[in-house]
PDB file of N, CA and C in Angstrom:
ATOM      1  N   MET A   1       0.852  -1.190   0.000  1.00  0.00           N
ATOM      2  CA  MET A   1       0.000   0.000   0.000  1.00  0.00           C
ATOM      3  C   MET A   1       0.891   1.245   0.000  1.00  0.00           C
ATOM      4  N   GLN A   2       0.740   2.058  -1.008  1.00  0.00           N
ATOM      5  CA  GLN A   2       1.533   3.272  -1.091  1.00  0.00           C
ATOM      6  C   GLN A   2       0.685   4.461  -0.676  1.00  0.00           C
ATOM      7  N   ILE A   3       1.312   5.341   0.052  1.00  0.00           N
ATOM      8  CA  ILE A   3       0.631   6.561   0.482  1.00  0.00           C
ATOM      9  C   ILE A   3       1.083   7.676  -0.459  1.00  0.00           C
ATOM     10  N   PRO A   4       0.126   8.409  -1.027  1.00  0.00           N
ATOM     11  CA  PRO A   4       0.486   9.503  -1.947  1.00  0.00           C
ATOM     12  C   PRO A   4       1.328  10.579  -1.266  1.00  0.00           C
ATOM     13  N   LYS A   5       2.053  11.335  -2.078  1.00  0.00           N
ATOM     14  CA  LYS A   5       2.946  12.364  -1.554  1.00  0.00           C
ATOM     15  C   LYS A   5       2.195  13.421  -0.736  1.00  0.00           C
ATOM     16  N   PHE A   6       1.014  13.814  -1.191  1.00  0.00           N
ATOM     17  CA  PHE A   6       0.295  14.855  -0.455  1.00  0.00           C
ATOM     18  C   PHE A   6      -0.131  14.361   0.916  1.00  0.00           C
ATOM     19  N   ALA A   7      -0.369  13.060   1.055  1.00  0.00           N
ATOM     20  CA  ALA A   7      -0.716  12.526   2.366  1.00  0.00           C
ATOM     21  C   ALA A   7       0.483  12.598   3.305  1.00  0.00           C
ATOM     22  N   TRP A   8       1.691  12.325   2.783  1.00  0.00           N
ATOM     23  CA  TRP A   8       2.891  12.447   3.601  1.00  0.00           C
ATOM     24  C   TRP A   8       3.119  13.899   4.018  1.00  0.00           C
ATOM     25  N   LYS A   9       2.891  14.817   3.081  1.00  0.00           N
ATOM     26  CA  LYS A   9       3.051  16.238   3.399  1.00  0.00           C
ATOM     27  C   LYS A   9       2.030  16.668   4.441  1.00  0.00           C
ATOM     28  N   LEU A  10       0.808  16.212   4.284  1.00  0.00           N
ATOM     29  CA  LEU A  10      -0.246  16.539   5.243  1.00  0.00           C
ATOM     30  C   LEU A  10       0.098  15.974   6.622  1.00  0.00           C
ATOM     31  N   LEU A  11       0.608  14.771   6.654  1.00  0.00           N
ATOM     32  CA  LEU A  11       1.027  14.160   7.913  1.00  0.00           C
ATOM     33  C   LEU A  11       2.180  14.940   8.539  1.00  0.00           C
ATOM     34  N   GLY A  12       3.122  15.386   7.725  1.00  0.00           N
ATOM     35  CA  GLY A  12       4.250  16.180   8.221  1.00  0.00           C
ATOM     36  C   GLY A  12       3.812  17.521   8.773  1.00  0.00           C
ATOM     37  N   VAL A  13       2.897  18.179   8.069  1.00  0.00           N
ATOM     38  CA  VAL A  13       2.385  19.466   8.539  1.00  0.00           C
ATOM     39  C   VAL A  13       1.623  19.276   9.844  1.00  0.00           C
ATOM     40  N   GLY A  14       0.832  18.234   9.919  1.00  0.00           N
ATOM     41  CA  GLY A  14       0.091  17.956  11.150  1.00  0.00           C
ATOM     42  C   GLY A  14       1.018  17.657  12.317  1.00  0.00           C
ATOM     43  N   ALA A  15       2.062  16.866  12.075  1.00  0.00           N
ATOM     44  CA  ALA A  15       3.023  16.553  13.130  1.00  0.00           C
ATOM     45  C   ALA A  15       3.789  17.805  13.555  1.00  0.00           C
ATOM     46  N   GLY A  16       4.133  18.656  12.595  1.00  0.00           N
ATOM     47  CA  GLY A  16       4.811  19.906  12.927  1.00  0.00           C
ATOM     48  C   GLY A  16       3.931  20.837  13.743  1.00  0.00           C
ATOM     49  N   ALA A  17       2.670  20.945  13.355  1.00  0.00           N
ATOM     50  CA  ALA A  17       1.730  21.794  14.097  1.00  0.00           C
ATOM     51  C   ALA A  17       1.535  21.260  15.512  1.00  0.00           C
ATOM     52  N   PHE A  18       1.448  19.935  15.634  1.00  0.00           N
ATOM     53  CA  PHE A  18       1.311  19.344  16.962  1.00  0.00           C
ATOM     54  C   PHE A  18       2.539  19.627  17.814  1.00  0.00           C
ATOM     55  N   ALA A  19       3.718  19.521  17.229  1.00  0.00           N
ATOM     56  CA  ALA A  19       4.960  19.766  17.970  1.00  0.00           C
ATOM     57  C   ALA A  19       5.019  21.218  18.459  1.00  0.00           C
ATOM     58  N   VAL A  20       4.616  22.144  17.606  1.00  0.00           N
ATOM     59  CA  VAL A  20       4.641  23.565  17.993  1.00  0.00           C
ATOM     60  C   VAL A  20       3.646  23.826  19.111  1.00  0.00           C
ATOM     61  N   THR A  21       2.416  23.351  18.966  1.00  0.00           N
ATOM     62  CA  THR A  21       1.407  23.602  19.999  1.00  0.00           C
ATOM     63  C   THR A  21       1.749  22.886  21.299  1.00  0.00           C
ATOM     64  N   PHE A  22       2.341  21.696  21.210  1.00  0.00           N
ATOM     65  CA  PHE A  22       2.739  20.994  22.425  1.00  0.00           C
ATOM     66  C   PHE A  22       3.849  21.742  23.145  1.00  0.00           C
ATOM     67  N   THR A  23       4.797  22.293  22.399  1.00  0.00           N
ATOM     68  CA  THR A  23       5.884  23.059  23.005  1.00  0.00           C
ATOM     69  C   THR A  23       5.347  24.309  23.689  1.00  0.00           C
ATOM     70  N   ILE A  24       4.412  24.990  23.050  1.00  0.00           N
ATOM     71  CA  ILE A  24       3.800  26.179  23.649  1.00  0.00           C
ATOM     72  C   ILE A  24       3.077  25.798  24.935  1.00  0.00           C
ATOM     73  N   TYR A  25       2.351  24.675  24.921  1.00  0.00           N
ATOM     74  CA  TYR A  25       1.627  24.227  26.106  1.00  0.00           C
ATOM     75  C   TYR A  25       2.586  23.777  27.205  1.00  0.00           C
ATOM     76  N   PHE A  26       3.603  23.001  26.862  1.00  0.00           N
ATOM     77  CA  PHE A  26       4.504  22.409  27.847  1.00  0.00           C
ATOM     78  C   PHE A  26       5.289  23.476  28.605  1.00  0.00           C
ATOM     79  N   PHE A  27       5.780  24.482  27.905  1.00  0.00           N
ATOM     80  CA  PHE A  27       6.575  25.525  28.538  1.00  0.00           C
ATOM     81  C   PHE A  27       5.745  26.744  28.942  1.00  0.00           C
ATOM     82  N   ASN A  28       4.434  26.681  28.779  1.00  0.00           N
ATOM     83  CA  ASN A  28       3.515  27.752  29.181  1.00  0.00           C
ATOM     84  C   ASN A  28       3.905  29.080  28.529  1.00  0.00           C
ATOM     85  N   LEU A  29       4.266  29.029  27.262  1.00  0.00           N
ATOM     86  CA  LEU A  29       4.772  30.205  26.571  1.00  0.00           C
ATOM     87  C   LEU A  29       3.705  31.259  26.333  1.00  0.00           C
ATOM     88  N   ASP A  30       2.443  30.833  26.225  1.00  0.00           N
ATOM     89  CA  ASP A  30       1.393  31.824  26.002  1.00  0.00           C
ATOM     90  C   ASP A  30       1.238  32.747  27.209  1.00  0.00           C
ATOM     91  N   MET A  31       1.312  32.207  28.419  1.00  0.00           N
ATOM     92  CA  MET A  31       1.195  33.038  29.614  1.00  0.00           C
ATOM     93  C   MET A  31       2.452  33.870  29.833  1.00  0.00           C
ATOM     94  N   LYS A  32       3.605  33.348  29.444  1.00  0.00           N
ATOM     95  CA  LYS A  32       4.837  34.120  29.571  1.00  0.00           C
ATOM     96  C   LYS A  32       4.812  35.313  28.619  1.00  0.00           C
ATOM     97  N   LEU A  33       4.285  35.118  27.429  1.00  0.00           N
ATOM     98  CA  LEU A  33       4.161  36.225  26.486  1.00  0.00           C
ATOM     99  C   LEU A  33       3.136  37.235  26.978  1.00  0.00           C
ATOM    100  N   LEU A  34       2.035  36.736  27.519  1.00  0.00           N
ATOM    101  CA  LEU A  34       0.993  37.633  28.007  1.00  0.00           C
ATOM    102  C   LEU A  34       1.471  38.436  29.203  1.00  0.00           C
ATOM    103  N   SER A  35       2.331  37.855  30.043  1.00  0.00           N
ATOM    104  CA  SER A  35       2.823  38.586  31.212  1.00  0.00           C
ATOM    105  C   SER A  35       3.721  39.753  30.791  1.00  0.00           C
ATOM    106  N   ALA A  36       4.310  39.681  29.627  1.00  0.00           N
ATOM    107  CA  ALA A  36       5.114  40.804  29.146  1.00  0.00           C
ATOM    108  C   ALA A  36       4.229  42.006  28.823  1.00  0.00           C
ATOM    109  N   PHE A  37       2.974  41.751  28.452  1.00  0.00           N
ATOM    110  CA  PHE A  37       2.044  42.826  28.117  1.00  0.00           C
ATOM    111  C   PHE A  37       1.110  43.166  29.278  1.00  0.00           C
ATOM    112  N   GLU A  38       1.397  42.641  30.465  1.00  0.00           N
ATOM    113  CA  GLU A  38       0.505  42.843  31.603  1.00  0.00           C
ATOM    114  C   GLU A  38       0.288  44.315  31.949  1.00  0.00           C
ATOM    115  N   PRO A  39       1.321  45.159  31.983  1.00  0.00           N
ATOM    116  CA  PRO A  39       1.067  46.575  32.308  1.00  0.00           C
ATOM    117  C   PRO A  39       0.103  47.243  31.320  1.00  0.00           C
ATOM    118  N   ILE A  40       0.222  46.909  30.056  1.00  0.00           N
ATOM    119  CA  ILE A  40      -0.675  47.487  29.048  1.00  0.00           C
ATOM    120  C   ILE A  40      -2.101  46.997  29.273  1.00  0.00           C
ATOM    121  N   LEU A  41      -2.232  45.708  29.557  1.00  0.00           N
ATOM    122  CA  LEU A  41      -3.566  45.145  29.773  1.00  0.00           C
ATOM    123  C   LEU A  41      -4.199  45.677  31.056  1.00  0.00           C
ATOM    124  N   LEU A  42      -3.413  45.811  32.103  1.00  0.00           N
ATOM    125  CA  LEU A  42      -3.960  46.338  33.352  1.00  0.00           C
ATOM    126  C   LEU A  42      -4.445  47.771  33.175  1.00  0.00           C
ATOM    127  N   ARG A  43      -3.664  48.566  32.461  1.00  0.00           N
ATOM    128  CA  ARG A  43      -4.069  49.951  32.213  1.00  0.00           C
ATOM    129  C   ARG A  43      -5.370  49.989  31.425  1.00  0.00           C
ATOM    130  N   HIS A  44      -5.500  49.087  30.454  1.00  0.00           N
ATOM    131  CA  HIS A  44      -6.717  49.049  29.640  1.00  0.00           C
ATOM    132  C   HIS A  44      -7.930  48.630  30.473  1.00  0.00           C
ATOM    133  N   TYR A  45      -7.786  47.558  31.245  1.00  0.00           N
ATOM    134  CA  TYR A  45      -8.928  47.047  31.996  1.00  0.00           C
ATOM    135  C   TYR A  45      -9.263  47.888  33.213  1.00  0.00           C
ATOM    136  N   ASP A  46      -8.308  48.668  33.723  1.00  0.00           N
ATOM    137  CA  ASP A  46      -8.617  49.569  34.826  1.00  0.00           C
ATOM    138  C   ASP A  46      -9.454  50.754  34.361  1.00  0.00           C
ATOM    139  N   ARG A  47      -9.403  51.073  33.087  1.00  0.00           N
ATOM    140  CA  ARG A  47     -10.183  52.200  32.554  1.00  0.00           C
ATOM    141  C   ARG A  47     -11.632  51.836  32.249  1.00  0.00           C
ATOM    142  N   ILE A  48     -11.966  50.566  32.246  1.00  0.00           N
ATOM    143  CA  ILE A  48     -13.326  50.147  31.948  1.00  0.00           C
ATOM    144  C   ILE A  48     -14.232  50.501  33.116  1.00  0.00           C
ATOM    145  N   PRO A  49     -15.319  51.208  32.864  1.00  0.00           N
ATOM    146  CA  PRO A  49     -16.225  51.559  33.968  1.00  0.00           C
ATOM    147  C   PRO A  49     -16.893  50.311  34.543  1.00  0.00           C
ATOM    148  N   ARG A  50     -16.930  50.253  35.859  1.00  0.00           N
ATOM    149  CA  ARG A  50     -17.541  49.119  36.535  1.00  0.00           C
ATOM    150  C   ARG A  50     -19.001  49.433  36.842  1.00  0.00           C
ATOM    151  N   ASP A  51     -19.847  48.446  36.648  1.00  0.00           N
ATOM    152  CA  ASP A  51     -21.263  48.604  36.952  1.00  0.00           C
ATOM    153  C   ASP A  51     -21.724  47.355  37.709  1.00  0.00           C
ATOM    154  N   GLN A  52     -21.198  47.213  38.916  1.00  0.00           N
ATOM    155  CA  GLN A  52     -21.535  46.040  39.719  1.00  0.00           C
ATOM    156  C   GLN A  52     -22.307  46.501  40.958  1.00  0.00           C
ATOM    157  N   HIS A  53     -23.496  45.991  41.067  1.00  0.00           N
ATOM    158  CA  HIS A  53     -24.343  46.330  42.212  1.00  0.00           C
ATOM    159  C   HIS A  53     -24.643  45.068  42.995  1.00  0.00           C
ATOM    160  N   LEU A  54     -24.464  45.134  44.277  1.00  0.00           N
ATOM    161  CA  LEU A  54     -24.763  43.979  45.129  1.00  0.00           C
ATOM    162  C   LEU A  54     -26.153  44.058  45.681  1.00  0.00           C
TER     163      LEU A  54
END
């Protein structure tokens, strides 16, 4: 049984995408990147008017 070339390429792209997303998840890179922008985000969310009534 031979697998066509495009299937091998598709498998390679899928394996590469999995490797990238697994690395991002394993090292928690998304939160590390977000923490670099924390001062900007805090300034933005502190300006939002609060409308919370108990």
